[in-house]
PDB file of all heavy atoms in Angstrom:
ATOM      1  N   ASP A   1     -32.094 -15.924  71.072  1.00  0.00           N
ATOM      2  CA  ASP A   1     -32.767 -17.054  71.729  1.00  0.00           C
ATOM      3  C   ASP A   1     -33.572 -17.903  70.744  1.00  0.00           C
ATOM      4  O   ASP A   1     -34.438 -18.682  71.130  1.00  0.00           O
ATOM      5  CB  ASP A   1     -33.686 -16.549  72.838  1.00  0.00           C
ATOM      6  CG  ASP A   1     -34.789 -15.621  72.320  1.00  0.00           C
ATOM      7  OD1 ASP A   1     -34.702 -15.138  71.171  1.00  0.00           O
ATOM      8  OD2 ASP A   1     -35.742 -15.369  73.076  1.00  0.00           O
ATOM      9  N   GLY A   2     -33.275 -17.792  69.457  1.00  0.00           N
ATOM     10  CA  GLY A   2     -34.024 -18.499  68.418  1.00  0.00           C
ATOM     11  C   GLY A   2     -34.002 -20.005  68.595  1.00  0.00           C
ATOM     12  O   GLY A   2     -33.080 -20.579  69.183  1.00  0.00           O
ATOM     13  N   VAL A   3     -35.036 -20.647  68.057  1.00  0.00           N
ATOM     14  CA  VAL A   3     -35.168 -22.107  68.126  1.00  0.00           C
ATOM     15  C   VAL A   3     -35.289 -22.642  66.705  1.00  0.00           C
ATOM     16  O   VAL A   3     -36.072 -22.130  65.902  1.00  0.00           O
ATOM     17  CB  VAL A   3     -36.406 -22.518  68.960  1.00  0.00           C
ATOM     18  CG1 VAL A   3     -36.592 -24.025  68.955  1.00  0.00           C
ATOM     19  CG2 VAL A   3     -36.291 -21.982  70.380  1.00  0.00           C
ATOM     20  N   PHE A   4     -34.510 -23.674  66.411  1.00  0.00           N
ATOM     21  CA  PHE A   4     -34.521 -24.338  65.119  1.00  0.00           C
ATOM     22  C   PHE A   4     -34.891 -25.793  65.375  1.00  0.00           C
ATOM     23  O   PHE A   4     -34.158 -26.508  66.046  1.00  0.00           O
ATOM     24  CB  PHE A   4     -33.137 -24.227  64.496  1.00  0.00           C
ATOM     25  CG  PHE A   4     -32.989 -24.806  63.112  1.00  0.00           C
ATOM     26  CD1 PHE A   4     -34.067 -25.203  62.346  1.00  0.00           C
ATOM     27  CD2 PHE A   4     -31.725 -24.934  62.565  1.00  0.00           C
ATOM     28  CE1 PHE A   4     -33.898 -25.718  61.075  1.00  0.00           C
ATOM     29  CE2 PHE A   4     -31.535 -25.448  61.291  1.00  0.00           C
ATOM     30  CZ  PHE A   4     -32.626 -25.843  60.546  1.00  0.00           C
ATOM     31  N   GLU A   5     -36.047 -26.204  64.857  1.00  0.00           N
ATOM     32  CA  GLU A   5     -36.531 -27.564  65.116  1.00  0.00           C
ATOM     33  C   GLU A   5     -36.753 -28.322  63.813  1.00  0.00           C
ATOM     34  O   GLU A   5     -37.209 -27.761  62.830  1.00  0.00           O
ATOM     35  CB  GLU A   5     -37.882 -27.525  65.829  1.00  0.00           C
ATOM     36  CG  GLU A   5     -37.846 -27.000  67.231  1.00  0.00           C
ATOM     37  CD  GLU A   5     -39.231 -27.046  67.835  1.00  0.00           C
ATOM     38  OE1 GLU A   5     -39.972 -26.062  67.666  1.00  0.00           O
ATOM     39  OE2 GLU A   5     -39.555 -28.084  68.454  1.00  0.00           O
ATOM     40  N   ALA A   6     -36.464 -29.616  63.868  1.00  0.00           N
ATOM     41  CA  ALA A   6     -36.807 -30.564  62.806  1.00  0.00           C
ATOM     42  C   ALA A   6     -37.563 -31.699  63.511  1.00  0.00           C
ATOM     43  O   ALA A   6     -36.991 -32.732  63.820  1.00  0.00           O
ATOM     44  CB  ALA A   6     -35.553 -31.067  62.105  1.00  0.00           C
ATOM     45  N   PRO A   7     -38.845 -31.482  63.806  1.00  0.00           N
ATOM     46  CA  PRO A   7     -39.601 -32.403  64.666  1.00  0.00           C
ATOM     47  C   PRO A   7     -39.685 -33.844  64.174  1.00  0.00           C
ATOM     48  O   PRO A   7     -39.907 -34.746  64.975  1.00  0.00           O
ATOM     49  CB  PRO A   7     -40.998 -31.788  64.724  1.00  0.00           C
ATOM     50  CG  PRO A   7     -40.845 -30.380  64.302  1.00  0.00           C
ATOM     51  CD  PRO A   7     -39.665 -30.342  63.388  1.00  0.00           C
ATOM     52  N   LEU A   8     -39.505 -34.084  62.881  1.00  0.00           N
ATOM     53  CA  LEU A   8     -39.615 -35.448  62.366  1.00  0.00           C
ATOM     54  C   LEU A   8     -38.306 -36.228  62.436  1.00  0.00           C
ATOM     55  O   LEU A   8     -38.293 -37.435  62.167  1.00  0.00           O
ATOM     56  CB  LEU A   8     -40.130 -35.424  60.920  1.00  0.00           C
ATOM     57  CG  LEU A   8     -41.489 -34.742  60.712  1.00  0.00           C
ATOM     58  CD1 LEU A   8     -41.869 -34.759  59.241  1.00  0.00           C
ATOM     59  CD2 LEU A   8     -42.571 -35.383  61.566  1.00  0.00           C
ATOM     60  N   MET A   9     -37.223 -35.566  62.785  1.00  0.00           N
ATOM     61  CA  MET A   9     -35.927 -36.248  62.861  1.00  0.00           C
ATOM     62  C   MET A   9     -35.883 -37.159  64.079  1.00  0.00           C
ATOM     63  O   MET A   9     -36.270 -36.764  65.176  1.00  0.00           O
ATOM     64  CB  MET A   9     -34.781 -35.235  62.966  1.00  0.00           C
ATOM     65  CG  MET A   9     -34.520 -34.457  61.702  1.00  0.00           C
ATOM     66  SD  MET A   9     -34.179 -35.457  60.239  1.00  0.00           S
ATOM     67  CE  MET A   9     -32.691 -36.281  60.701  1.00  0.00           C
ATOM     68  N   PRO A  10     -35.367 -38.376  63.916  1.00  0.00           N
ATOM     69  CA  PRO A  10     -35.222 -39.255  65.075  1.00  0.00           C
ATOM     70  C   PRO A  10     -34.053 -38.795  65.946  1.00  0.00           C
ATOM     71  O   PRO A  10     -33.115 -38.152  65.453  1.00  0.00           O
ATOM     72  CB  PRO A  10     -34.929 -40.623  64.446  1.00  0.00           C
ATOM     73  CG  PRO A  10     -34.368 -40.318  63.094  1.00  0.00           C
ATOM     74  CD  PRO A  10     -34.980 -39.012  62.657  1.00  0.00           C
ATOM     75  N   ALA A  11     -34.114 -39.119  67.199  1.00  0.00           N
ATOM     76  CA  ALA A  11     -33.018 -38.789  68.120  1.00  0.00           C
ATOM     77  C   ALA A  11     -31.736 -39.439  67.614  1.00  0.00           C
ATOM     78  O   ALA A  11     -31.751 -40.559  67.109  1.00  0.00           O
ATOM     79  CB  ALA A  11     -33.361 -39.272  69.523  1.00  0.00           C
ATOM     80  N   GLY A  12     -30.631 -38.724  67.717  1.00  0.00           N
ATOM     81  CA  GLY A  12     -29.337 -39.266  67.327  1.00  0.00           C
ATOM     82  C   GLY A  12     -29.014 -39.158  65.848  1.00  0.00           C
ATOM     83  O   GLY A  12     -27.949 -39.596  65.416  1.00  0.00           O
ATOM     84  N   ALA A  13     -29.895 -38.577  65.045  1.00  0.00           N
ATOM     85  CA  ALA A  13     -29.629 -38.408  63.607  1.00  0.00           C
ATOM     86  C   ALA A  13     -28.552 -37.349  63.402  1.00  0.00           C
ATOM     87  O   ALA A  13     -28.315 -36.509  64.278  1.00  0.00           O
ATOM     88  CB  ALA A  13     -30.916 -38.013  62.887  1.00  0.00           C
ATOM     89  N   ALA A  14     -27.904 -37.389  62.234  1.00  0.00           N
ATOM     90  CA  ALA A  14     -26.861 -36.399  61.932  1.00  0.00           C
ATOM     91  C   ALA A  14     -27.433 -34.989  61.904  1.00  0.00           C
ATOM     92  O   ALA A  14     -26.804 -34.046  62.364  1.00  0.00           O
ATOM     93  CB  ALA A  14     -26.192 -36.726  60.597  1.00  0.00           C
ATOM     94  N   PHE A  15     -28.649 -34.843  61.366  1.00  0.00           N
ATOM     95  CA  PHE A  15     -29.296 -33.535  61.351  1.00  0.00           C
ATOM     96  C   PHE A  15     -29.946 -33.329  62.712  1.00  0.00           C
ATOM     97  O   PHE A  15     -30.703 -34.172  63.177  1.00  0.00           O
ATOM     98  CB  PHE A  15     -30.352 -33.462  60.241  1.00  0.00           C
ATOM     99  CG  PHE A  15     -30.839 -32.064  59.969  1.00  0.00           C
ATOM    100  CD1 PHE A  15     -30.194 -31.271  59.040  1.00  0.00           C
ATOM    101  CD2 PHE A  15     -31.929 -31.546  60.642  1.00  0.00           C
ATOM    102  CE1 PHE A  15     -30.634 -29.979  58.778  1.00  0.00           C
ATOM    103  CE2 PHE A  15     -32.375 -30.256  60.396  1.00  0.00           C
ATOM    104  CZ  PHE A  15     -31.720 -29.472  59.456  1.00  0.00           C
ATOM    105  N   PRO A  16     -29.656 -32.215  63.386  1.00  0.00           N
ATOM    106  CA  PRO A  16     -30.184 -32.010  64.734  1.00  0.00           C
ATOM    107  C   PRO A  16     -31.707 -31.873  64.775  1.00  0.00           C
ATOM    108  O   PRO A  16     -32.311 -31.292  63.881  1.00  0.00           O
ATOM    109  CB  PRO A  16     -29.524 -30.715  65.196  1.00  0.00           C
ATOM    110  CG  PRO A  16     -28.847 -30.134  64.016  1.00  0.00           C
ATOM    111  CD  PRO A  16     -28.831 -31.123  62.913  1.00  0.00           C
ATOM    112  N   ARG A  17     -32.305 -32.410  65.818  1.00  0.00           N
ATOM    113  CA  ARG A  17     -33.758 -32.362  65.983  1.00  0.00           C
ATOM    114  C   ARG A  17     -34.217 -31.014  66.550  1.00  0.00           C
ATOM    115  O   ARG A  17     -35.225 -30.471  66.123  1.00  0.00           O
ATOM    116  CB  ARG A  17     -34.202 -33.499  66.900  1.00  0.00           C
ATOM    117  CG  ARG A  17     -35.688 -33.562  67.069  1.00  0.00           C
ATOM    118  CD  ARG A  17     -36.083 -34.707  67.998  1.00  0.00           C
ATOM    119  NE  ARG A  17     -37.468 -34.561  68.350  1.00  0.00           N
ATOM    120  CZ  ARG A  17     -38.422 -35.353  67.914  1.00  0.00           C
ATOM    121  NH1 ARG A  17     -38.139 -36.363  67.141  1.00  0.00           N
ATOM    122  NH2 ARG A  17     -39.669 -35.141  68.274  1.00  0.00           N
ATOM    123  N   LYS A  18     -33.484 -30.481  67.532  1.00  0.00           N
ATOM    124  CA  LYS A  18     -33.864 -29.189  68.119  1.00  0.00           C
ATOM    125  C   LYS A  18     -32.614 -28.481  68.618  1.00  0.00           C
ATOM    126  O   LYS A  18     -31.802 -29.058  69.332  1.00  0.00           O
ATOM    127  CB  LYS A  18     -34.846 -29.381  69.274  1.00  0.00           C
ATOM    128  CG  LYS A  18     -35.337 -28.058  69.855  1.00  0.00           C
ATOM    129  CD  LYS A  18     -36.391 -28.270  70.929  1.00  0.00           C
ATOM    130  CE  LYS A  18     -36.893 -26.937  71.464  1.00  0.00           C
ATOM    131  NZ  LYS A  18     -37.910 -27.122  72.501  1.00  0.00           N
ATOM    132  N   LEU A  19     -32.512 -27.219  68.222  1.00  0.00           N
ATOM    133  CA  LEU A  19     -31.404 -26.368  68.654  1.00  0.00           C
ATOM    134  C   LEU A  19     -32.000 -25.111  69.259  1.00  0.00           C
ATOM    135  O   LEU A  19     -32.896 -24.510  68.670  1.00  0.00           O
ATOM    136  CB  LEU A  19     -30.514 -26.009  67.458  1.00  0.00           C
ATOM    137  CG  LEU A  19     -29.923 -27.200  66.695  1.00  0.00           C
ATOM    138  CD1 LEU A  19     -29.254 -26.729  65.420  1.00  0.00           C
ATOM    139  CD2 LEU A  19     -28.956 -27.965  67.580  1.00  0.00           C
ATOM    140  N   THR A  20     -31.478 -24.712  70.397  1.00  0.00           N
ATOM    141  CA  THR A  20     -32.002 -23.534  71.087  1.00  0.00           C
ATOM    142  C   THR A  20     -30.887 -22.525  71.291  1.00  0.00           C
ATOM    143  O   THR A  20     -29.863 -22.842  71.904  1.00  0.00           O
ATOM    144  CB  THR A  20     -32.618 -23.933  72.446  1.00  0.00           C
ATOM    145  OG1 THR A  20     -33.628 -24.915  72.212  1.00  0.00           O
ATOM    146  CG2 THR A  20     -33.224 -22.728  73.147  1.00  0.00           C
ATOM    147  N   GLY A  21     -31.083 -21.339  70.775  1.00  0.00           N
ATOM    148  CA  GLY A  21     -30.109 -20.262  70.913  1.00  0.00           C
ATOM    149  C   GLY A  21     -29.179 -20.197  69.718  1.00  0.00           C
ATOM    150  O   GLY A  21     -28.819 -21.207  69.120  1.00  0.00           O
ATOM    151  N   ARG A  22     -28.798 -18.983  69.395  1.00  0.00           N
ATOM    152  CA  ARG A  22     -27.958 -18.739  68.224  1.00  0.00           C
ATOM    153  C   ARG A  22     -26.648 -19.511  68.276  1.00  0.00           C
ATOM    154  O   ARG A  22     -26.194 -20.061  67.280  1.00  0.00           O
ATOM    155  CB  ARG A  22     -27.695 -17.239  68.111  1.00  0.00           C
ATOM    156  CG  ARG A  22     -27.019 -16.848  66.820  1.00  0.00           C
ATOM    157  CD  ARG A  22     -26.726 -15.364  66.757  1.00  0.00           C
ATOM    158  NE  ARG A  22     -27.951 -14.610  66.594  1.00  0.00           N
ATOM    159  CZ  ARG A  22     -28.081 -13.327  66.939  1.00  0.00           C
ATOM    160  NH1 ARG A  22     -27.073 -12.679  67.500  1.00  0.00           N
ATOM    161  NH2 ARG A  22     -29.215 -12.691  66.744  1.00  0.00           N
ATOM    162  N   GLU A  23     -26.027 -19.578  69.453  1.00  0.00           N
ATOM    163  CA  GLU A  23     -24.728 -20.247  69.553  1.00  0.00           C
ATOM    164  C   GLU A  23     -24.843 -21.751  69.361  1.00  0.00           C
ATOM    165  O   GLU A  23     -23.982 -22.374  68.730  1.00  0.00           O
ATOM    166  CB  GLU A  23     -24.034 -19.900  70.866  1.00  0.00           C
ATOM    167  CG  GLU A  23     -23.641 -18.428  70.958  1.00  0.00           C
ATOM    168  CD  GLU A  23     -22.933 -17.917  69.693  1.00  0.00           C
ATOM    169  OE1 GLU A  23     -21.986 -18.572  69.197  1.00  0.00           O
ATOM    170  OE2 GLU A  23     -23.343 -16.849  69.176  1.00  0.00           O
ATOM    171  N   GLU A  24     -25.913 -22.363  69.877  1.00  0.00           N
ATOM    172  CA  GLU A  24     -26.108 -23.799  69.656  1.00  0.00           C
ATOM    173  C   GLU A  24     -26.402 -24.060  68.176  1.00  0.00           C
ATOM    174  O   GLU A  24     -25.921 -25.049  67.596  1.00  0.00           O
ATOM    175  CB  GLU A  24     -27.238 -24.345  70.533  1.00  0.00           C
ATOM    176  CG  GLU A  24     -27.363 -25.845  70.443  1.00  0.00           C
ATOM    177  CD  GLU A  24     -28.391 -26.436  71.391  1.00  0.00           C
ATOM    178  OE1 GLU A  24     -29.230 -25.694  71.944  1.00  0.00           O
ATOM    179  OE2 GLU A  24     -28.355 -27.666  71.564  1.00  0.00           O
ATOM    180  N   ILE A  25     -27.176 -23.197  67.557  1.00  0.00           N
ATOM    181  CA  ILE A  25     -27.457 -23.325  66.125  1.00  0.00           C
ATOM    182  C   ILE A  25     -26.145 -23.239  65.344  1.00  0.00           C
ATOM    183  O   ILE A  25     -25.875 -24.067  64.467  1.00  0.00           O
ATOM    184  CB  ILE A  25     -28.463 -22.247  65.660  1.00  0.00           C
ATOM    185  CG1 ILE A  25     -29.834 -22.511  66.282  1.00  0.00           C
ATOM    186  CG2 ILE A  25     -28.543 -22.180  64.130  1.00  0.00           C
ATOM    187  CD1 ILE A  25     -30.824 -21.361  66.164  1.00  0.00           C
ATOM    188  N   ARG A  26     -25.315 -22.272  65.687  1.00  0.00           N
ATOM    189  CA  ARG A  26     -24.027 -22.075  64.996  1.00  0.00           C
ATOM    190  C   ARG A  26     -23.153 -23.329  65.099  1.00  0.00           C
ATOM    191  O   ARG A  26     -22.673 -23.846  64.094  1.00  0.00           O
ATOM    192  CB  ARG A  26     -23.299 -20.871  65.593  1.00  0.00           C
ATOM    193  CG  ARG A  26     -22.004 -20.512  64.889  1.00  0.00           C
ATOM    194  CD  ARG A  26     -21.256 -19.367  65.592  1.00  0.00           C
ATOM    195  NE  ARG A  26     -22.086 -18.356  66.177  1.00  0.00           N
ATOM    196  CZ  ARG A  26     -22.590 -17.289  65.543  1.00  0.00           C
ATOM    197  NH1 ARG A  26     -22.332 -17.102  64.266  1.00  0.00           N
ATOM    198  NH2 ARG A  26     -23.325 -16.393  66.176  1.00  0.00           N
ATOM    199  N   SER A  27     -22.940 -23.830  66.287  1.00  0.00           N
ATOM    200  CA  SER A  27     -22.010 -24.950  66.463  1.00  0.00           C
ATOM    201  C   SER A  27     -22.565 -26.257  65.890  1.00  0.00           C
ATOM    202  O   SER A  27     -21.841 -27.003  65.229  1.00  0.00           O
ATOM    203  CB  SER A  27     -21.616 -25.112  67.932  1.00  0.00           C
ATOM    204  OG  SER A  27     -22.741 -25.425  68.722  1.00  0.00           O
ATOM    205  N   ALA A  28     -23.838 -26.538  66.117  1.00  0.00           N
ATOM    206  CA  ALA A  28     -24.414 -27.791  65.610  1.00  0.00           C
ATOM    207  C   ALA A  28     -24.491 -27.801  64.089  1.00  0.00           C
ATOM    208  O   ALA A  28     -24.216 -28.825  63.452  1.00  0.00           O
ATOM    209  CB  ALA A  28     -25.798 -28.020  66.221  1.00  0.00           C
ATOM    210  N   MET A  29     -24.844 -26.678  63.498  1.00  0.00           N
ATOM    211  CA  MET A  29     -24.948 -26.643  62.040  1.00  0.00           C
ATOM    212  C   MET A  29     -23.563 -26.650  61.390  1.00  0.00           C
ATOM    213  O   MET A  29     -23.397 -27.215  60.305  1.00  0.00           O
ATOM    214  CB  MET A  29     -25.791 -25.460  61.586  1.00  0.00           C
ATOM    215  CG  MET A  29     -27.265 -25.591  61.984  1.00  0.00           C
ATOM    216  SD  MET A  29     -28.036 -27.176  61.535  1.00  0.00           S
ATOM    217  CE  MET A  29     -28.040 -27.049  59.745  1.00  0.00           C
ATOM    218  N   ALA A  30     -22.552 -26.078  62.037  1.00  0.00           N
ATOM    219  CA  ALA A  30     -21.185 -26.169  61.504  1.00  0.00           C
ATOM    220  C   ALA A  30     -20.761 -27.633  61.445  1.00  0.00           C
ATOM    221  O   ALA A  30     -20.190 -28.084  60.434  1.00  0.00           O
ATOM    222  CB  ALA A  30     -20.219 -25.360  62.365  1.00  0.00           C
ATOM    223  N   ALA A  31     -21.054 -28.387  62.486  1.00  0.00           N
ATOM    224  CA  ALA A  31     -20.717 -29.812  62.501  1.00  0.00           C
ATOM    225  C   ALA A  31     -21.505 -30.563  61.431  1.00  0.00           C
ATOM    226  O   ALA A  31     -20.958 -31.416  60.727  1.00  0.00           O
ATOM    227  CB  ALA A  31     -20.988 -30.401  63.884  1.00  0.00           C
ATOM    228  N   TYR A  32     -22.789 -30.233  61.289  1.00  0.00           N
ATOM    229  CA  TYR A  32     -23.601 -30.908  60.279  1.00  0.00           C
ATOM    230  C   TYR A  32     -23.109 -30.576  58.874  1.00  0.00           C
ATOM    231  O   TYR A  32     -22.990 -31.457  58.025  1.00  0.00           O
ATOM    232  CB  TYR A  32     -25.079 -30.532  60.416  1.00  0.00           C
ATOM    233  CG  TYR A  32     -25.892 -31.183  59.331  1.00  0.00           C
ATOM    234  CD1 TYR A  32     -26.137 -32.548  59.351  1.00  0.00           C
ATOM    235  CD2 TYR A  32     -26.360 -30.446  58.247  1.00  0.00           C
ATOM    236  CE1 TYR A  32     -26.839 -33.169  58.323  1.00  0.00           C
ATOM    237  CE2 TYR A  32     -27.067 -31.059  57.225  1.00  0.00           C
ATOM    238  CZ  TYR A  32     -27.299 -32.412  57.264  1.00  0.00           C
ATOM    239  OH  TYR A  32     -27.982 -33.024  56.253  1.00  0.00           O
ATOM    240  N   TYR A  33     -22.794 -29.320  58.595  1.00  0.00           N
ATOM    241  CA  TYR A  33     -22.318 -28.937  57.266  1.00  0.00           C
ATOM    242  C   TYR A  33     -21.000 -29.633  56.935  1.00  0.00           C
ATOM    243  O   TYR A  33     -20.757 -29.995  55.787  1.00  0.00           O
ATOM    244  CB  TYR A  33     -22.168 -27.418  57.147  1.00  0.00           C
ATOM    245  CG  TYR A  33     -23.474 -26.669  57.169  1.00  0.00           C
ATOM    246  CD1 TYR A  33     -23.542 -25.392  57.716  1.00  0.00           C
ATOM    247  CD2 TYR A  33     -24.638 -27.221  56.653  1.00  0.00           C
ATOM    248  CE1 TYR A  33     -24.738 -24.695  57.734  1.00  0.00           C
ATOM    249  CE2 TYR A  33     -25.836 -26.534  56.677  1.00  0.00           C
ATOM    250  CZ  TYR A  33     -25.873 -25.270  57.226  1.00  0.00           C
ATOM    251  OH  TYR A  33     -27.064 -24.576  57.253  1.00  0.00           O
ATOM    252  N   GLU A  34     -20.138 -29.820  57.927  1.00  0.00           N
ATOM    253  CA  GLU A  34     -18.877 -30.534  57.691  1.00  0.00           C
ATOM    254  C   GLU A  34     -19.175 -31.975  57.259  1.00  0.00           C
ATOM    255  O   GLU A  34     -18.593 -32.482  56.315  1.00  0.00           O
ATOM    256  CB  GLU A  34     -18.018 -30.517  58.949  1.00  0.00           C
ATOM    257  CG  GLU A  34     -16.665 -31.145  58.747  1.00  0.00           C
ATOM    258  CD  GLU A  34     -15.801 -31.041  59.974  1.00  0.00           C
ATOM    259  OE1 GLU A  34     -15.831 -29.985  60.647  1.00  0.00           O
ATOM    260  OE2 GLU A  34     -15.101 -32.026  60.275  1.00  0.00           O
TER     261      GLU A  34
END
């Protein structure tokens, strides 16, 4: 249930602003790394 936040990121930026849960972190960061 981990949370990964980048509070200074604007909405809609390539780097996600907030991810909740391991699976959301996995999928969003895979897209960002690509």
